PDB file of N, CA and C in Angstrom:
ATOM      1  N   MET A   1     162.512-174.219-183.881  1.00  0.00           N
ATOM      2  CA  MET A   1     162.773-172.727-184.990  1.00  0.00           C
ATOM      3  C   MET A   1     163.922-171.776-183.803  1.00  0.00           C
ATOM      4  N   SER A   2     164.627-171.469-184.402  1.00  0.00           N
ATOM      5  CA  SER A   2     165.556-170.562-184.646  1.00  0.00           C
ATOM      6  C   SER A   2     165.068-168.945-185.308  1.00  0.00           C
ATOM      7  N   ASP A   3     165.431-167.636-184.492  1.00  0.00           N
ATOM      8  CA  ASP A   3     165.259-166.618-185.612  1.00  0.00           C
ATOM      9  C   ASP A   3     165.339-166.758-186.731  1.00  0.00           C
ATOM     10  N   ALA A   4     166.274-167.640-187.456  1.00  0.00           N
ATOM     11  CA  ALA A   4     166.575-167.738-188.702  1.00  0.00           C
ATOM     12  C   ALA A   4     165.626-168.126-189.591  1.00  0.00           C
ATOM     13  N   ASP A   5     164.812-168.836-188.853  1.00  0.00           N
ATOM     14  CA  ASP A   5     163.561-168.977-189.075  1.00  0.00           C
ATOM     15  C   ASP A   5     162.492-168.217-189.237  1.00  0.00           C
ATOM     16  N   MET A   6     162.520-166.561-189.234  1.00  0.00           N
ATOM     17  CA  MET A   6     161.946-165.511-189.192  1.00  0.00           C
ATOM     18  C   MET A   6     161.754-164.745-190.570  1.00  0.00           C
ATOM     19  N   THR A   7     160.990-164.784-191.233  1.00  0.00           N
ATOM     20  CA  THR A   7     161.213-163.975-192.342  1.00  0.00           C
ATOM     21  C   THR A   7     160.249-162.422-192.230  1.00  0.00           C
ATOM     22  N   VAL A   8     160.829-161.104-192.636  1.00  0.00           N
ATOM     23  CA  VAL A   8     160.569-159.912-192.112  1.00  0.00           C
ATOM     24  C   VAL A   8     160.202-159.211-193.838  1.00  0.00           C
ATOM     25  N   SER A   9     158.891-158.640-193.617  1.00  0.00           N
ATOM     26  CA  SER A   9     158.391-158.065-195.194  1.00  0.00           C
ATOM     27  C   SER A   9     158.781-156.403-194.872  1.00  0.00           C
ATOM     28  N   GLU A  10     158.911-155.936-196.085  1.00  0.00           N
ATOM     29  CA  GLU A  10     159.157-154.622-196.193  1.00  0.00           C
ATOM     30  C   GLU A  10     158.042-154.272-195.892  1.00  0.00           C
ATOM     31  N   PRO A  11     157.922-152.826-194.607  1.00  0.00           N
ATOM     32  CA  PRO A  11     156.868-152.169-194.574  1.00  0.00           C
ATOM     33  C   PRO A  11     155.905-151.263-195.474  1.00  0.00           C
ATOM     34  N   ASP A  12     156.675-151.392-196.518  1.00  0.00           N
ATOM     35  CA  ASP A  12     155.729-150.264-197.215  1.00  0.00           C
ATOM     36  C   ASP A  12     155.110-151.385-198.230  1.00  0.00           C
ATOM     37  N   HIS A  13     155.129-152.902-198.516  1.00  0.00           N
ATOM     38  CA  HIS A  13     154.626-153.472-199.218  1.00  0.00           C
ATOM     39  C   HIS A  13     152.930-153.387-199.068  1.00  0.00           C
ATOM     40  N   PRO A  14     152.279-153.515-200.255  1.00  0.00           N
ATOM     41  CA  PRO A  14     150.960-152.637-200.020  1.00  0.00           C
ATOM     42  C   PRO A  14     150.181-153.148-199.273  1.00  0.00           C
ATOM     43  N   GLU A  15     150.445-154.624-199.394  1.00  0.00           N
ATOM     44  CA  GLU A  15     149.276-155.617-198.667  1.00  0.00           C
ATOM     45  C   GLU A  15     149.705-155.044-196.835  1.00  0.00           C
ATOM     46  N   VAL A  16     150.737-155.005-196.549  1.00  0.00           N
ATOM     47  CA  VAL A  16     151.221-154.176-194.879  1.00  0.00           C
ATOM     48  C   VAL A  16     150.752-152.851-194.873  1.00  0.00           C
ATOM     49  N   ARG A  17     150.722-152.440-196.355  1.00  0.00           N
ATOM     50  CA  ARG A  17     150.348-150.889-195.901  1.00  0.00           C
ATOM     51  C   ARG A  17     148.890-150.942-195.560  1.00  0.00           C
ATOM     52  N   ALA A  18     147.817-151.645-196.402  1.00  0.00           N
ATOM     53  CA  ALA A  18     146.673-151.519-196.193  1.00  0.00           C
ATOM     54  C   ALA A  18     146.359-151.827-194.892  1.00  0.00           C
ATOM     55  N   PHE A  19     146.640-153.048-194.381  1.00  0.00           N
ATOM     56  CA  PHE A  19     146.266-153.673-192.846  1.00  0.00           C
ATOM     57  C   PHE A  19     146.920-152.910-192.204  1.00  0.00           C
ATOM     58  N   TRP A  20     147.830-152.400-192.307  1.00  0.00           N
ATOM     59  CA  TRP A  20     148.275-151.023-190.696  1.00  0.00           C
ATOM     60  C   TRP A  20     147.225-150.153-191.082  1.00  0.00           C
ATOM     61  N   ASP A  21     146.569-149.486-192.061  1.00  0.00           N
ATOM     62  CA  ASP A  21     146.018-148.342-191.735  1.00  0.00           C
ATOM     63  C   ASP A  21     144.853-149.037-191.632  1.00  0.00           C
ATOM     64  N   VAL A  22     144.022-149.933-191.742  1.00  0.00           N
ATOM     65  CA  VAL A  22     143.067-150.808-190.432  1.00  0.00           C
ATOM     66  C   VAL A  22     143.387-151.046-189.002  1.00  0.00           C
ATOM     67  N   ALA A  23     144.602-151.560-189.237  1.00  0.00           N
ATOM     68  CA  ALA A  23     144.653-152.287-187.604  1.00  0.00           C
ATOM     69  C   ALA A  23     145.066-150.635-186.820  1.00  0.00           C
ATOM     70  N   ARG A  24     145.849-150.100-186.701  1.00  0.00           N
ATOM     71  CA  ARG A  24     146.218-148.838-186.433  1.00  0.00           C
ATOM     72  C   ARG A  24     144.505-148.020-185.800  1.00  0.00           C
ATOM     73  N   VAL A  25     144.063-147.928-186.874  1.00  0.00           N
ATOM     74  CA  VAL A  25     142.125-147.745-185.889  1.00  0.00           C
ATOM     75  C   VAL A  25     141.731-148.228-184.796  1.00  0.00           C
ATOM     76  N   HIS A  26     141.872-149.920-185.353  1.00  0.00           N
ATOM     77  CA  HIS A  26     141.214-151.003-184.094  1.00  0.00           C
ATOM     78  C   HIS A  26     142.060-150.746-182.777  1.00  0.00           C
ATOM     79  N   ALA A  27     143.130-150.442-183.105  1.00  0.00           N
ATOM     80  CA  ALA A  27     144.520-150.548-181.830  1.00  0.00           C
ATOM     81  C   ALA A  27     144.069-149.553-180.805  1.00  0.00           C
ATOM     82  N   LYS A  28     143.301-148.082-181.406  1.00  0.00           N
ATOM     83  CA  LYS A  28     142.818-147.569-181.479  1.00  0.00           C
ATOM     84  C   LYS A  28     144.572-146.453-181.053  1.00  0.00           C
ATOM     85  N   LEU A  29     145.878-146.688-181.394  1.00  0.00           N
ATOM     86  CA  LEU A  29     146.683-145.403-181.413  1.00  0.00           C
ATOM     87  C   LEU A  29     146.764-144.818-181.092  1.00  0.00           C
ATOM     88  N   ASN A  30     145.710-143.392-181.595  1.00  0.00           N
ATOM     89  CA  ASN A  30     145.488-142.263-181.702  1.00  0.00           C
ATOM     90  C   ASN A  30     143.879-141.896-181.761  1.00  0.00           C
ATOM     91  N   ALA A  31     143.640-141.935-180.092  1.00  0.00           N
ATOM     92  CA  ALA A  31     142.165-141.483-180.233  1.00  0.00           C
ATOM     93  C   ALA A  31     141.598-140.254-181.026  1.00  0.00           C
ATOM     94  N   ALA A  32     142.702-139.659-181.034  1.00  0.00           N
ATOM     95  CA  ALA A  32     142.393-138.237-181.593  1.00  0.00           C
ATOM     96  C   ALA A  32     142.816-137.607-182.635  1.00  0.00           C
ATOM     97  N   SER A  33     142.488-138.417-183.964  1.00  0.00           N
ATOM     98  CA  SER A  33     143.222-138.032-184.841  1.00  0.00           C
ATOM     99  C   SER A  33     142.929-136.768-185.315  1.00  0.00           C
ATOM    100  N   SER A  34     141.561-137.250-185.515  1.00  0.00           N
ATOM    101  CA  SER A  34     140.881-135.876-186.219  1.00  0.00           C
ATOM    102  C   SER A  34     141.034-134.552-185.570  1.00  0.00           C
ATOM    103  N   TYR A  35     142.237-134.880-184.818  1.00  0.00           N
ATOM    104  CA  TYR A  35     142.055-132.984-184.075  1.00  0.00           C
ATOM    105  C   TYR A  35     143.232-132.521-184.353  1.00  0.00           C
ATOM    106  N   PHE A  36     144.382-133.633-184.024  1.00  0.00           N
ATOM    107  CA  PHE A  36     146.071-133.829-183.575  1.00  0.00           C
ATOM    108  C   PHE A  36     146.387-133.865-184.664  1.00  0.00           C
ATOM    109  N   GLY A  37     146.178-134.760-185.874  1.00  0.00           N
ATOM    110  CA  GLY A  37     146.580-135.382-186.862  1.00  0.00           C
ATOM    111  C   GLY A  37     147.425-136.689-186.610  1.00  0.00           C
ATOM    112  N   PRO A  38     147.950-137.252-187.642  1.00  0.00           N
ATOM    113  CA  PRO A  38     148.283-138.528-187.577  1.00  0.00           C
ATOM    114  C   PRO A  38     149.541-138.536-186.530  1.00  0.00           C
ATOM    115  N   THR A  39     150.191-139.265-185.625  1.00  0.00           N
ATOM    116  CA  THR A  39     151.371-139.497-184.791  1.00  0.00           C
ATOM    117  C   THR A  39     152.064-140.522-185.620  1.00  0.00           C
ATOM    118  N   PRO A  40     153.681-140.024-185.437  1.00  0.00           N
ATOM    119  CA  PRO A  40     154.938-140.532-186.068  1.00  0.00           C
ATOM    120  C   PRO A  40     154.680-142.354-185.564  1.00  0.00           C
ATOM    121  N   LEU A  41     153.867-142.827-185.039  1.00  0.00           N
ATOM    122  CA  LEU A  41     153.762-143.998-184.353  1.00  0.00           C
ATOM    123  C   LEU A  41     152.390-144.683-185.408  1.00  0.00           C
ATOM    124  N   GLU A  42     151.671-143.585-185.874  1.00  0.00           N
ATOM    125  CA  GLU A  42     150.563-144.980-186.792  1.00  0.00           C
ATOM    126  C   GLU A  42     150.917-144.102-188.032  1.00  0.00           C
ATOM    127  N   SER A  43     152.192-143.563-188.624  1.00  0.00           N
ATOM    128  CA  SER A  43     152.894-143.044-190.275  1.00  0.00           C
ATOM    129  C   SER A  43     153.188-144.266-190.350  1.00  0.00           C
ATOM    130  N   VAL A  44     153.847-144.924-189.483  1.00  0.00           N
ATOM    131  CA  VAL A  44     155.225-146.074-189.974  1.00  0.00           C
ATOM    132  C   VAL A  44     155.076-147.565-189.562  1.00  0.00           C
ATOM    133  N   PRO A  45     154.582-148.313-191.014  1.00  0.00           N
ATOM    134  CA  PRO A  45     153.916-149.284-190.168  1.00  0.00           C
ATOM    135  C   PRO A  45     155.403-149.720-189.873  1.00  0.00           C
ATOM    136  N   PRO A  46     154.595-150.854-188.497  1.00  0.00           N
ATOM    137  CA  PRO A  46     155.814-151.671-187.564  1.00  0.00           C
ATOM    138  C   PRO A  46     156.620-152.589-188.908  1.00  0.00           C
ATOM    139  N   PRO A  47     157.476-153.277-188.397  1.00  0.00           N
ATOM    140  CA  PRO A  47     157.764-154.707-189.007  1.00  0.00           C
ATOM    141  C   PRO A  47     157.281-155.714-189.156  1.00  0.00           C
ATOM    142  N   ALA A  48     156.858-156.193-190.425  1.00  0.00           N
ATOM    143  CA  ALA A  48     156.153-157.687-190.594  1.00  0.00           C
ATOM    144  C   ALA A  48     157.083-158.337-190.868  1.00  0.00           C
ATOM    145  N   TRP A  49     156.432-159.586-189.924  1.00  0.00           N
ATOM    146  CA  TRP A  49     157.402-161.068-189.577  1.00  0.00           C
ATOM    147  C   TRP A  49     156.588-162.130-189.940  1.00  0.00           C
ATOM    148  N   SER A  50     157.047-163.208-190.113  1.00  0.00           N
ATOM    149  CA  SER A  50     156.216-164.855-189.818  1.00  0.00           C
ATOM    150  C   SER A  50     157.252-165.771-189.546  1.00  0.00           C
ATOM    151  N   TYR A  51     156.870-166.727-189.111  1.00  0.00           N
ATOM    152  CA  TYR A  51     157.356-167.497-188.721  1.00  0.00           C
ATOM    153  C   TYR A  51     157.915-168.818-188.658  1.00  0.00           C
ATOM    154  N   GLY A  52     158.771-169.548-188.902  1.00  0.00           N
ATOM    155  CA  GLY A  52     158.720-171.037-189.216  1.00  0.00           C
ATOM    156  C   GLY A  52     159.510-171.174-190.348  1.00  0.00           C
ATOM    157  N   ASP A  53     159.839-173.138-190.646  1.00  0.00           N
ATOM    158  CA  ASP A  53     160.536-173.665-191.677  1.00  0.00           C
ATOM    159  C   ASP A  53     160.135-173.399-192.558  1.00  0.00           C
ATOM    160  N   SER A  54     158.911-173.000-193.631  1.00  0.00           N
ATOM    161  CA  SER A  54     158.197-173.287-194.030  1.00  0.00           C
ATOM    162  C   SER A  54     156.736-172.247-194.331  1.00  0.00           C
ATOM    163  N   PRO A  55     155.948-172.296-195.318  1.00  0.00           N
ATOM    164  CA  PRO A  55     155.110-171.039-195.529  1.00  0.00           C
ATOM    165  C   PRO A  55     153.426-172.158-194.799  1.00  0.00           C
ATOM    166  N   ALA A  56     153.345-173.882-194.851  1.00  0.00           N
ATOM    167  CA  ALA A  56     152.603-174.336-193.840  1.00  0.00           C
ATOM    168  C   ALA A  56     152.799-173.930-192.360  1.00  0.00           C
ATOM    169  N   GLU A  57     154.323-174.082-192.002  1.00  0.00           N
ATOM    170  CA  GLU A  57     154.370-174.023-190.469  1.00  0.00           C
ATOM    171  C   GLU A  57     154.381-172.822-190.216  1.00  0.00           C
ATOM    172  N   ALA A  58     154.278-171.517-190.795  1.00  0.00           N
ATOM    173  CA  ALA A  58     154.595-170.079-190.571  1.00  0.00           C
ATOM    174  C   ALA A  58     152.947-170.057-190.664  1.00  0.00           C
ATOM    175  N   GLY A  59     152.520-170.532-191.488  1.00  0.00           N
ATOM    176  CA  GLY A  59     150.424-170.672-191.510  1.00  0.00           C
ATOM    177  C   GLY A  59     150.143-171.057-190.246  1.00  0.00           C
ATOM    178  N   GLU A  60     151.075-172.372-189.788  1.00  0.00           N
ATOM    179  CA  GLU A  60     150.267-173.026-188.322  1.00  0.00           C
ATOM    180  C   GLU A  60     150.785-172.272-187.199  1.00  0.00           C
ATOM    181  N   PHE A  61     151.838-171.939-187.090  1.00  0.00           N
ATOM    182  CA  PHE A  61     152.205-170.676-186.230  1.00  0.00           C
ATOM    183  C   PHE A  61     151.128-169.694-186.040  1.00  0.00           C
ATOM    184  N   VAL A  62     150.831-168.754-186.810  1.00  0.00           N
ATOM    185  CA  VAL A  62     149.630-167.836-187.043  1.00  0.00           C
ATOM    186  C   VAL A  62     148.606-168.280-186.263  1.00  0.00           C
ATOM    187  N   ALA A  63     147.281-169.007-187.188  1.00  0.00           N
ATOM    188  CA  ALA A  63     146.681-170.203-186.490  1.00  0.00           C
ATOM    189  C   ALA A  63     146.645-170.253-185.092  1.00  0.00           C
ATOM    190  N   ALA A  64     147.788-170.955-184.263  1.00  0.00           N
ATOM    191  CA  ALA A  64     147.482-170.651-182.854  1.00  0.00           C
ATOM    192  C   ALA A  64     147.595-169.354-182.412  1.00  0.00           C
ATOM    193  N   ALA A  65     149.013-168.576-182.730  1.00  0.00           N
ATOM    194  CA  ALA A  65     148.774-167.357-182.095  1.00  0.00           C
ATOM    195  C   ALA A  65     147.361-166.907-181.964  1.00  0.00           C
ATOM    196  N   LEU A  66     146.363-166.823-183.236  1.00  0.00           N
ATOM    197  CA  LEU A  66     145.186-166.044-183.122  1.00  0.00           C
ATOM    198  C   LEU A  66     144.291-166.551-182.457  1.00  0.00           C
ATOM    199  N   GLU A  67     144.147-168.060-182.768  1.00  0.00           N
ATOM    200  CA  GLU A  67     143.598-168.602-181.075  1.00  0.00           C
ATOM    201  C   GLU A  67     143.665-168.604-179.874  1.00  0.00           C
ATOM    202  N   ASP A  68     144.819-168.306-179.873  1.00  0.00           N
ATOM    203  CA  ASP A  68     145.472-168.457-178.502  1.00  0.00           C
ATOM    204  C   ASP A  68     145.279-166.929-177.946  1.00  0.00           C
ATOM    205  N   GLU A  69     145.439-165.823-178.354  1.00  0.00           N
ATOM    206  CA  GLU A  69     145.716-164.712-179.177  1.00  0.00           C
ATOM    207  C   GLU A  69     146.603-163.731-178.423  1.00  0.00           C
ATOM    208  N   GLY A  70     147.908-164.993-178.426  1.00  0.00           N
ATOM    209  CA  GLY A  70     149.018-164.331-178.136  1.00  0.00           C
ATOM    210  C   GLY A  70     150.263-165.704-178.700  1.00  0.00           C
ATOM    211  N   GLY A  71     151.211-165.812-178.260  1.00  0.00           N
ATOM    212  CA  GLY A  71     152.195-166.928-178.589  1.00  0.00           C
ATOM    213  C   GLY A  71     153.657-166.089-178.086  1.00  0.00           C
ATOM    214  N   SER A  72     154.387-167.228-178.700  1.00  0.00           N
ATOM    215  CA  SER A  72     155.718-166.648-178.370  1.00  0.00           C
ATOM    216  C   SER A  72     157.014-167.319-179.106  1.00  0.00           C
ATOM    217  N   THR A  73     157.969-167.274-178.803  1.00  0.00           N
ATOM    218  CA  THR A  73     159.012-167.234-180.310  1.00  0.00           C
ATOM    219  C   THR A  73     160.439-167.687-179.110  1.00  0.00           C
ATOM    220  N   THR A  74     161.012-168.275-179.645  1.00  0.00           N
ATOM    221  CA  THR A  74     162.437-168.433-178.897  1.00  0.00           C
ATOM    222  C   THR A  74     163.354-168.624-179.782  1.00  0.00           C
ATOM    223  N   ALA A  75     164.762-168.260-179.953  1.00  0.00           N
ATOM    224  CA  ALA A  75     165.590-168.045-180.536  1.00  0.00           C
ATOM    225  C   ALA A  75     167.074-167.736-179.810  1.00  0.00           C
ATOM    226  N   GLN A  76     168.298-168.293-180.369  1.00  0.00           N
ATOM    227  CA  GLN A  76     169.598-168.307-179.969  1.00  0.00           C
ATOM    228  C   GLN A  76     169.839-166.789-179.699  1.00  0.00           C
ATOM    229  N   LEU A  77     170.336-166.331-178.605  1.00  0.00           N
ATOM    230  CA  LEU A  77     171.162-164.436-178.085  1.00  0.00           C
ATOM    231  C   LEU A  77     172.265-164.528-179.193  1.00  0.00           C
ATOM    232  N   ALA A  78     172.899-164.912-179.927  1.00  0.00           N
ATOM    233  CA  ALA A  78     173.477-164.619-181.183  1.00  0.00           C
ATOM    234  C   ALA A  78     172.947-164.571-182.505  1.00  0.00           C
ATOM    235  N   ASP A  79     171.308-165.079-182.599  1.00  0.00           N
ATOM    236  CA  ASP A  79     171.089-164.616-183.666  1.00  0.00           C
ATOM    237  C   ASP A  79     170.412-162.625-183.701  1.00  0.00           C
ATOM    238  N   TYR A  80     170.525-162.635-182.327  1.00  0.00           N
ATOM    239  CA  TYR A  80     169.739-161.074-182.118  1.00  0.00           C
ATOM    240  C   TYR A  80     170.699-160.040-182.480  1.00  0.00           C
ATOM    241  N   ASP A  81     172.027-160.399-182.837  1.00  0.00           N
ATOM    242  CA  ASP A  81     172.998-159.905-183.299  1.00  0.00           C
ATOM    243  C   ASP A  81     173.293-158.122-182.171  1.00  0.00           C
ATOM    244  N   GLY A  82     173.134-158.193-180.683  1.00  0.00           N
ATOM    245  CA  GLY A  82     172.893-157.879-180.119  1.00  0.00           C
ATOM    246  C   GLY A  82     171.771-156.585-179.710  1.00  0.00           C
ATOM    247  N   MET A  83     170.677-156.684-180.698  1.00  0.00           N
ATOM    248  CA  MET A  83     169.878-155.770-180.207  1.00  0.00           C
ATOM    249  C   MET A  83     168.409-156.692-180.538  1.00  0.00           C
ATOM    250  N   LEU A  84     168.205-156.882-178.964  1.00  0.00           N
ATOM    251  CA  LEU A  84     167.011-157.642-178.899  1.00  0.00           C
ATOM    252  C   LEU A  84     165.633-157.364-178.541  1.00  0.00           C
ATOM    253  N   PRO A  85     164.895-158.024-178.620  1.00  0.00           N
ATOM    254  CA  PRO A  85     163.463-157.134-178.993  1.00  0.00           C
ATOM    255  C   PRO A  85     163.001-156.675-177.640  1.00  0.00           C
ATOM    256  N   GLU A  86     162.231-155.635-177.453  1.00  0.00           N
ATOM    257  CA  GLU A  86     161.417-155.034-176.244  1.00  0.00           C
ATOM    258  C   GLU A  86     160.098-154.923-176.202  1.00  0.00           C
ATOM    259  N   GLU A  87     159.421-154.536-174.869  1.00  0.00           N
ATOM    260  CA  GLU A  87     158.725-155.018-174.423  1.00  0.00           C
ATOM    261  C   GLU A  87     157.682-153.773-175.030  1.00  0.00           C
ATOM    262  N   GLY A  88     156.699-153.925-175.362  1.00  0.00           N
ATOM    263  CA  GLY A  88     155.931-152.895-175.904  1.00  0.00           C
ATOM    264  C   GLY A  88     155.901-152.152-177.375  1.00  0.00           C
ATOM    265  N   VAL A  89     156.829-153.307-177.835  1.00  0.00           N
ATOM    266  CA  VAL A  89     157.177-152.817-179.714  1.00  0.00           C
ATOM    267  C   VAL A  89     155.643-153.410-180.516  1.00  0.00           C
ATOM    268  N   LEU A  90     154.879-153.088-181.464  1.00  0.00           N
ATOM    269  CA  LEU A  90     154.202-153.491-182.042  1.00  0.00           C
ATOM    270  C   LEU A  90     154.620-154.331-183.529  1.00  0.00           C
ATOM    271  N   SER A  91     154.087-155.601-184.124  1.00  0.00           N
ATOM    272  CA  SER A  91     154.803-155.315-185.185  1.00  0.00           C
ATOM    273  C   SER A  91     153.853-156.780-185.783  1.00  0.00           C
ATOM    274  N   ILE A  92     153.849-156.437-186.895  1.00  0.00           N
ATOM    275  CA  ILE A  92     152.907-157.218-188.016  1.00  0.00           C
ATOM    276  C   ILE A  92     153.280-158.868-188.310  1.00  0.00           C
ATOM    277  N   LEU A  93     151.952-159.094-187.882  1.00  0.00           N
ATOM    278  CA  LEU A  93     152.316-160.947-187.879  1.00  0.00           C
ATOM    279  C   LEU A  93     152.032-161.431-189.570  1.00  0.00           C
ATOM    280  N   CYS A  94     152.321-162.076-190.135  1.00  0.00           N
ATOM    281  CA  CYS A  94     152.480-162.479-191.513  1.00  0.00           C
ATOM    282  C   CYS A  94     151.969-164.105-191.744  1.00  0.00           C
ATOM    283  N   ASP A  95     151.335-164.488-192.274  1.00  0.00           N
ATOM    284  CA  ASP A  95     151.110-166.108-192.599  1.00  0.00           C
ATOM    285  C   ASP A  95     152.259-166.571-193.730  1.00  0.00           C
ATOM    286  N   GLY A  96     151.861-167.967-193.830  1.00  0.00           N
ATOM    287  CA  GLY A  96     153.007-168.315-194.704  1.00  0.00           C
ATOM    288  C   GLY A  96     153.094-167.686-196.295  1.00  0.00           C
ATOM    289  N   GLU A  97     152.115-166.981-196.498  1.00  0.00           N
ATOM    290  CA  GLU A  97     152.211-166.566-198.024  1.00  0.00           C
ATOM    291  C   GLU A  97     152.380-164.942-197.703  1.00  0.00           C
ATOM    292  N   GLY A  98     152.682-164.808-196.716  1.00  0.00           N
ATOM    293  CA  GLY A  98     153.553-163.611-196.562  1.00  0.00           C
ATOM    294  C   GLY A  98     152.401-162.107-196.473  1.00  0.00           C
ATOM    295  N   ARG A  99     150.665-162.889-195.566  1.00  0.00           N
ATOM    296  CA  ARG A  99     149.656-161.947-195.837  1.00  0.00           C
ATOM    297  C   ARG A  99     149.486-161.427-194.421  1.00  0.00           C
ATOM    298  N   PRO A 100     149.146-160.151-194.260  1.00  0.00           N
ATOM    299  CA  PRO A 100     149.437-160.035-193.076  1.00  0.00           C
ATOM    300  C   PRO A 100     147.936-160.076-191.965  1.00  0.00           C
ATOM    301  N   ARG A 101     148.462-160.896-191.478  1.00  0.00           N
ATOM    302  CA  ARG A 101     147.129-161.516-190.190  1.00  0.00           C
ATOM    303  C   ARG A 101     147.030-161.267-188.598  1.00  0.00           C
ATOM    304  N   ALA A 102     148.066-160.154-188.414  1.00  0.00           N
ATOM    305  CA  ALA A 102     147.446-159.987-186.690  1.00  0.00           C
ATOM    306  C   ALA A 102     148.729-158.831-186.606  1.00  0.00           C
ATOM    307  N   LEU A 103     148.364-157.820-185.850  1.00  0.00           N
ATOM    308  CA  LEU A 103     149.567-156.700-185.375  1.00  0.00           C
ATOM    309  C   LEU A 103     149.095-157.015-183.497  1.00  0.00           C
ATOM    310  N   VAL A 104     150.526-157.462-183.481  1.00  0.00           N
ATOM    311  CA  VAL A 104     150.908-157.870-182.317  1.00  0.00           C
ATOM    312  C   VAL A 104     151.548-157.063-181.336  1.00  0.00           C
ATOM    313  N   GLU A 105     151.517-157.270-180.275  1.00  0.00           N
ATOM    314  CA  GLU A 105     152.765-156.699-179.025  1.00  0.00           C
ATOM    315  C   GLU A 105     153.388-157.500-178.071  1.00  0.00           C
ATOM    316  N   THR A 106     154.948-156.958-178.355  1.00  0.00           N
ATOM    317  CA  THR A 106     155.863-157.696-177.183  1.00  0.00           C
ATOM    318  C   THR A 106     155.279-157.796-176.178  1.00  0.00           C
ATOM    319  N   THR A 107     155.289-158.215-175.465  1.00  0.00           N
ATOM    320  CA  THR A 107     154.794-158.217-173.762  1.00  0.00           C
ATOM    321  C   THR A 107     156.132-158.857-173.297  1.00  0.00           C
ATOM    322  N   THR A 108     156.730-159.746-173.014  1.00  0.00           N
ATOM    323  CA  THR A 108     158.090-160.207-172.272  1.00  0.00           C
ATOM    324  C   THR A 108     159.013-160.537-173.216  1.00  0.00           C
ATOM    325  N   VAL A 109     159.942-160.453-172.390  1.00  0.00           N
ATOM    326  CA  VAL A 109     161.200-160.479-173.551  1.00  0.00           C
ATOM    327  C   VAL A 109     162.281-160.931-172.165  1.00  0.00           C
ATOM    328  N   ALA A 110     162.820-162.743-172.409  1.00  0.00           N
ATOM    329  CA  ALA A 110     163.316-163.364-170.874  1.00  0.00           C
ATOM    330  C   ALA A 110     164.742-164.003-171.771  1.00  0.00           C
ATOM    331  N   VAL A 111     165.415-163.286-171.257  1.00  0.00           N
ATOM    332  CA  VAL A 111     167.169-164.244-171.599  1.00  0.00           C
ATOM    333  C   VAL A 111     167.424-165.453-170.583  1.00  0.00           C
ATOM    334  N   ASP A 112     168.115-166.471-171.212  1.00  0.00           N
ATOM    335  CA  ASP A 112     168.129-167.565-170.291  1.00  0.00           C
ATOM    336  C   ASP A 112     169.145-168.368-171.015  1.00  0.00           C
ATOM    337  N   GLY A 113     170.667-167.763-170.464  1.00  0.00           N
ATOM    338  CA  GLY A 113     171.288-168.150-170.909  1.00  0.00           C
ATOM    339  C   GLY A 113     171.810-167.554-172.420  1.00  0.00           C
ATOM    340  N   ASP A 114     171.832-168.469-173.021  1.00  0.00           N
ATOM    341  CA  ASP A 114     171.377-167.560-174.953  1.00  0.00           C
ATOM    342  C   ASP A 114     171.015-168.234-175.629  1.00  0.00           C
ATOM    343  N   GLU A 115     169.576-168.173-174.608  1.00  0.00           N
ATOM    344  CA  GLU A 115     168.444-168.770-175.465  1.00  0.00           C
ATOM    345  C   GLU A 115     167.452-167.075-175.036  1.00  0.00           C
ATOM    346  N   VAL A 116     166.943-166.871-176.121  1.00  0.00           N
ATOM    347  CA  VAL A 116     166.026-165.346-175.795  1.00  0.00           C
ATOM    348  C   VAL A 116     164.495-166.197-176.381  1.00  0.00           C
ATOM    349  N   ARG A 117     163.766-165.566-175.585  1.00  0.00           N
ATOM    350  CA  ARG A 117     162.334-166.349-175.026  1.00  0.00           C
ATOM    351  C   ARG A 117     161.113-164.724-175.265  1.00  0.00           C
ATOM    352  N   GLU A 118     160.566-164.639-176.401  1.00  0.00           N
ATOM    353  CA  GLU A 118     159.863-163.440-176.592  1.00  0.00           C
ATOM    354  C   GLU A 118     158.697-163.636-176.431  1.00  0.00           C
ATOM    355  N   GLN A 119     157.372-163.326-175.902  1.00  0.00           N
ATOM    356  CA  GLN A 119     156.247-163.523-175.409  1.00  0.00           C
ATOM    357  C   GLN A 119     154.928-161.703-176.594  1.00  0.00           C
ATOM    358  N   PHE A 120     154.351-162.518-176.680  1.00  0.00           N
ATOM    359  CA  PHE A 120     153.396-161.441-177.413  1.00  0.00           C
ATOM    360  C   PHE A 120     152.148-161.625-177.480  1.00  0.00           C
ATOM    361  N   ARG A 121     151.071-160.608-177.362  1.00  0.00           N
ATOM    362  CA  ARG A 121     149.469-160.531-177.479  1.00  0.00           C
ATOM    363  C   ARG A 121     149.750-160.002-178.991  1.00  0.00           C
ATOM    364  N   VAL A 122     147.786-160.795-179.110  1.00  0.00           N
ATOM    365  CA  VAL A 122     147.517-160.262-180.179  1.00  0.00           C
ATOM    366  C   VAL A 122     146.685-159.291-179.768  1.00  0.00           C
ATOM    367  N   VAL A 123     146.687-157.569-180.713  1.00  0.00           N
ATOM    368  CA  VAL A 123     146.274-156.782-180.428  1.00  0.00           C
ATOM    369  C   VAL A 123     144.859-156.239-181.518  1.00  0.00           C
ATOM    370  N   TYR A 124     145.386-156.749-182.493  1.00  0.00           N
ATOM    371  CA  TYR A 124     144.153-156.844-183.773  1.00  0.00           C
ATOM    372  C   TYR A 124     144.481-157.914-184.739  1.00  0.00           C
ATOM    373  N   GLN A 125     143.587-158.773-185.141  1.00  0.00           N
ATOM    374  CA  GLN A 125     143.099-160.256-185.774  1.00  0.00           C
ATOM    375  C   GLN A 125     143.135-159.231-187.441  1.00  0.00           C
ATOM    376  N   GLY A 126     143.190-159.112-187.976  1.00  0.00           N
ATOM    377  CA  GLY A 126     142.977-159.126-189.930  1.00  0.00           C
ATOM    378  C   GLY A 126     141.355-160.285-190.454  1.00  0.00           C
ATOM    379  N   ASP A 127     141.455-160.015-191.040  1.00  0.00           N
ATOM    380  CA  ASP A 127     139.852-160.867-191.816  1.00  0.00           C
ATOM    381  C   ASP A 127     141.057-162.228-192.058  1.00  0.00           C
TER     382      ASP A 127
END
């Protein structure tokens, strides 16, 4: 699969927003929100995406990521258009139907020639 096989959902989609409202609490992004109020990090949902050539393949990818509590993607360097993923960045992994299933954090990004491998860990699993 290539980066072209990745689908991005709108962060203001109602399902993504509802998932984010729960996931950010479970991820403990702001342990003192009642005292300090929401931080910019927790106010804006991170990008939501799915990975696969078909809804079935995207569903299998999510199932494997949830079971393994992480995963990886590989894409051509040219697909990133000069904007490589960054370690520590959060995103929302969706299934083949576009439903948010996990909050993930990029743990490593490796460039080998013209190939980019991104590894992530599951921070929070939805229902």
